[in-house]
N, C-alpha and C. Protein backbone atom coordinates (compact mmCIF):
# COMPACT_ATOMS: atom_id res chain seq x y z
N UNK A 1 0.76 -1.10 -0.02
CA UNK A 1 0.06 -0.02 0.06
C UNK A 1 0.88 1.28 0.07
N UNK A 2 0.59 2.14 -0.81
CA UNK A 2 1.42 3.30 -1.07
C UNK A 2 0.67 4.55 -0.30
N UNK A 3 1.48 5.28 0.35
CA UNK A 3 0.97 6.54 1.04
C UNK A 3 1.12 7.70 0.12
N UNK A 4 -0.02 8.40 0.01
CA UNK A 4 0.02 9.55 -0.81
C UNK A 4 0.24 10.87 0.11
N UNK A 5 1.24 11.65 -0.23
CA UNK A 5 1.49 12.83 0.63
C UNK A 5 0.86 14.05 -0.11
N UNK A 6 0.53 14.98 0.68
CA UNK A 6 -0.11 16.26 0.10
C UNK A 6 1.03 17.18 -0.48
N UNK A 7 2.23 16.86 -0.14
CA UNK A 7 3.33 17.71 -0.58
C UNK A 7 3.92 17.14 -1.97
N UNK A 8 3.87 18.07 -3.03
CA UNK A 8 4.34 17.57 -4.34
C UNK A 8 5.81 17.07 -4.18
N UNK A 9 6.14 16.07 -4.89
CA UNK A 9 7.42 15.37 -4.93
C UNK A 9 8.51 16.41 -5.28
N UNK A 10 8.29 17.31 -6.09
CA UNK A 10 9.17 18.36 -6.61
C UNK A 10 9.68 19.26 -5.48
N UNK A 11 8.91 19.51 -4.60
CA UNK A 11 9.30 20.37 -3.40
C UNK A 11 9.46 19.73 -2.07
N UNK A 12 9.31 18.50 -2.08
CA UNK A 12 9.43 17.83 -0.68
C UNK A 12 10.78 17.97 0.03
N UNK A 13 11.81 18.19 -0.69
CA UNK A 13 13.08 18.48 -0.01
C UNK A 13 13.14 19.89 0.63
N UNK A 14 12.56 20.86 -0.06
CA UNK A 14 12.40 22.08 0.62
C UNK A 14 11.46 22.07 1.69
N UNK A 15 10.48 21.44 1.61
CA UNK A 15 9.47 21.30 2.77
C UNK A 15 10.13 20.69 4.06
N UNK A 16 10.91 19.65 3.76
CA UNK A 16 11.60 18.97 4.85
C UNK A 16 12.63 19.81 5.40
N UNK A 17 13.40 20.60 4.62
CA UNK A 17 14.39 21.56 5.19
C UNK A 17 13.70 22.63 5.99
N UNK A 18 12.61 23.10 5.52
CA UNK A 18 11.95 24.17 6.38
C UNK A 18 11.51 23.53 7.68
N UNK A 19 10.92 22.32 7.65
CA UNK A 19 10.44 21.57 8.78
C UNK A 19 11.63 21.39 9.96
N UNK A 20 12.69 20.94 9.38
CA UNK A 20 13.96 20.74 10.21
C UNK A 20 14.49 21.97 10.85
N UNK A 21 14.50 23.09 10.05
CA UNK A 21 14.93 24.37 10.61
C UNK A 21 14.03 24.83 11.78
N UNK A 22 12.75 24.61 11.60
CA UNK A 22 11.89 25.08 12.72
C UNK A 22 12.10 24.10 13.95
N UNK A 23 12.10 22.80 13.57
CA UNK A 23 12.26 21.70 14.62
C UNK A 23 13.41 21.70 15.48
N UNK A 24 14.57 22.18 14.75
CA UNK A 24 15.91 22.21 15.40
C UNK A 24 16.35 23.68 15.85
N UNK A 25 15.40 24.66 15.72
CA UNK A 25 15.75 26.00 16.25
C UNK A 25 16.00 26.15 17.64
N UNK A 26 15.25 25.49 18.47
CA UNK A 26 15.51 25.58 20.01
C UNK A 26 16.79 24.99 20.18
N UNK A 27 17.31 23.94 19.54
CA UNK A 27 18.69 23.43 19.97
C UNK A 27 19.72 24.51 19.47
N UNK A 28 19.54 25.25 18.52
CA UNK A 28 20.48 26.23 18.15
C UNK A 28 20.64 27.30 19.14
N UNK A 29 19.55 27.72 19.90
CA UNK A 29 19.65 28.69 20.86
C UNK A 29 19.75 28.22 22.35
N UNK A 30 19.68 26.98 22.44
CA UNK A 30 19.78 26.40 23.83
C UNK A 30 21.15 26.65 24.51
N UNK A 31 22.22 26.64 23.68
CA UNK A 31 23.51 26.79 24.17
C UNK A 31 23.86 28.17 24.69
N UNK A 32 23.23 29.18 23.98
CA UNK A 32 23.28 30.63 24.51
C UNK A 32 22.58 30.72 25.77
N UNK A 33 21.46 30.09 25.85
CA UNK A 33 20.64 30.14 27.19
C UNK A 33 21.35 29.50 28.36
N UNK A 34 21.88 28.37 28.04
CA UNK A 34 22.55 27.58 29.02
C UNK A 34 23.87 28.25 29.45
N UNK A 35 24.56 28.82 28.52
CA UNK A 35 25.77 29.52 28.79
C UNK A 35 25.42 30.76 29.79
N UNK A 36 24.29 31.45 29.48
CA UNK A 36 23.92 32.61 30.20
C UNK A 36 23.47 32.03 31.71
N UNK A 37 22.92 31.00 31.78
CA UNK A 37 22.58 30.50 33.10
C UNK A 37 23.76 30.17 33.85
N UNK A 38 24.78 29.67 33.26
CA UNK A 38 26.04 29.14 33.86
C UNK A 38 26.78 30.56 34.39
N UNK A 39 26.77 31.54 33.51
CA UNK A 39 27.42 32.73 33.97
C UNK A 39 26.73 33.48 35.05
N UNK A 40 25.50 33.36 35.16
CA UNK A 40 24.74 33.95 36.22
C UNK A 40 24.75 33.20 37.57
N UNK A 41 24.71 31.84 37.45
CA UNK A 41 24.76 31.02 38.70
C UNK A 41 26.00 30.20 38.60
N UNK A 42 27.03 30.51 39.28
CA UNK A 42 28.34 29.74 39.06
C UNK A 42 28.27 28.47 39.88
N UNK A 43 29.02 27.54 39.62
CA UNK A 43 29.21 26.30 40.35
C UNK A 43 28.00 25.33 40.23
N UNK A 44 27.88 24.53 41.23
CA UNK A 44 26.70 23.45 41.15
C UNK A 44 25.30 23.96 40.87
N UNK A 45 25.10 25.18 41.42
CA UNK A 45 23.72 25.80 41.35
C UNK A 45 23.31 26.09 39.90
N UNK A 46 24.38 26.55 39.06
CA UNK A 46 24.30 26.78 37.69
C UNK A 46 23.79 25.54 36.95
N UNK A 47 24.59 24.62 37.23
CA UNK A 47 24.50 23.28 36.56
C UNK A 47 22.98 22.69 36.88
N UNK A 48 22.63 22.75 38.08
CA UNK A 48 21.33 22.28 38.50
C UNK A 48 20.29 23.00 37.75
N UNK A 49 20.44 24.33 37.53
CA UNK A 49 19.37 25.15 36.75
C UNK A 49 19.28 24.75 35.35
N UNK A 50 20.53 24.46 34.72
CA UNK A 50 20.68 24.01 33.35
C UNK A 50 19.85 22.64 33.17
N UNK A 51 20.21 21.70 34.05
CA UNK A 51 19.58 20.40 33.97
C UNK A 51 18.14 20.41 34.29
N UNK A 52 17.65 21.31 35.19
CA UNK A 52 16.15 21.51 35.44
C UNK A 52 15.50 22.05 34.22
N UNK A 53 16.25 22.96 33.58
CA UNK A 53 15.71 23.48 32.26
C UNK A 53 15.59 22.52 31.25
N UNK A 54 16.40 21.58 31.14
CA UNK A 54 16.50 20.47 30.16
C UNK A 54 15.30 19.57 30.48
N UNK A 55 15.11 19.32 31.61
CA UNK A 55 14.09 18.40 32.03
C UNK A 55 12.72 19.03 31.67
N UNK A 56 12.66 20.32 31.84
CA UNK A 56 11.31 20.94 31.55
C UNK A 56 11.15 20.92 30.12
N UNK A 57 12.17 21.23 29.32
CA UNK A 57 11.98 21.17 27.86
C UNK A 57 11.50 19.71 27.47
N UNK A 58 12.14 18.68 28.03
CA UNK A 58 11.82 17.40 27.61
C UNK A 58 10.35 16.96 27.90
N UNK A 59 9.85 17.38 29.22
CA UNK A 59 8.57 17.15 29.46
C UNK A 59 7.58 17.90 28.60
N UNK A 60 7.83 19.10 28.39
CA UNK A 60 7.03 19.83 27.44
C UNK A 60 6.93 19.25 25.95
N UNK A 61 8.17 18.75 25.54
CA UNK A 61 8.21 18.20 24.34
C UNK A 61 7.44 16.89 24.21
N UNK A 62 7.52 16.20 25.44
CA UNK A 62 6.75 14.72 25.46
C UNK A 62 5.29 15.07 25.52
N UNK A 63 4.80 16.11 26.11
CA UNK A 63 3.29 16.31 26.14
C UNK A 63 2.87 16.99 24.80
């Protein structure tokens, strides 16, 4: 059984590239956010804050 997509085959590569850009955009900016957090809260407190933020993003993504 063949699945029929609503995206024409001629532009499917462009559609996937746009979807990936949007999907991976948070990852591009996460390092700036984490670096800022570590600069503001030095030591173990900064690392705890970064990991709690990662957990929050994971839970939000799961939901």
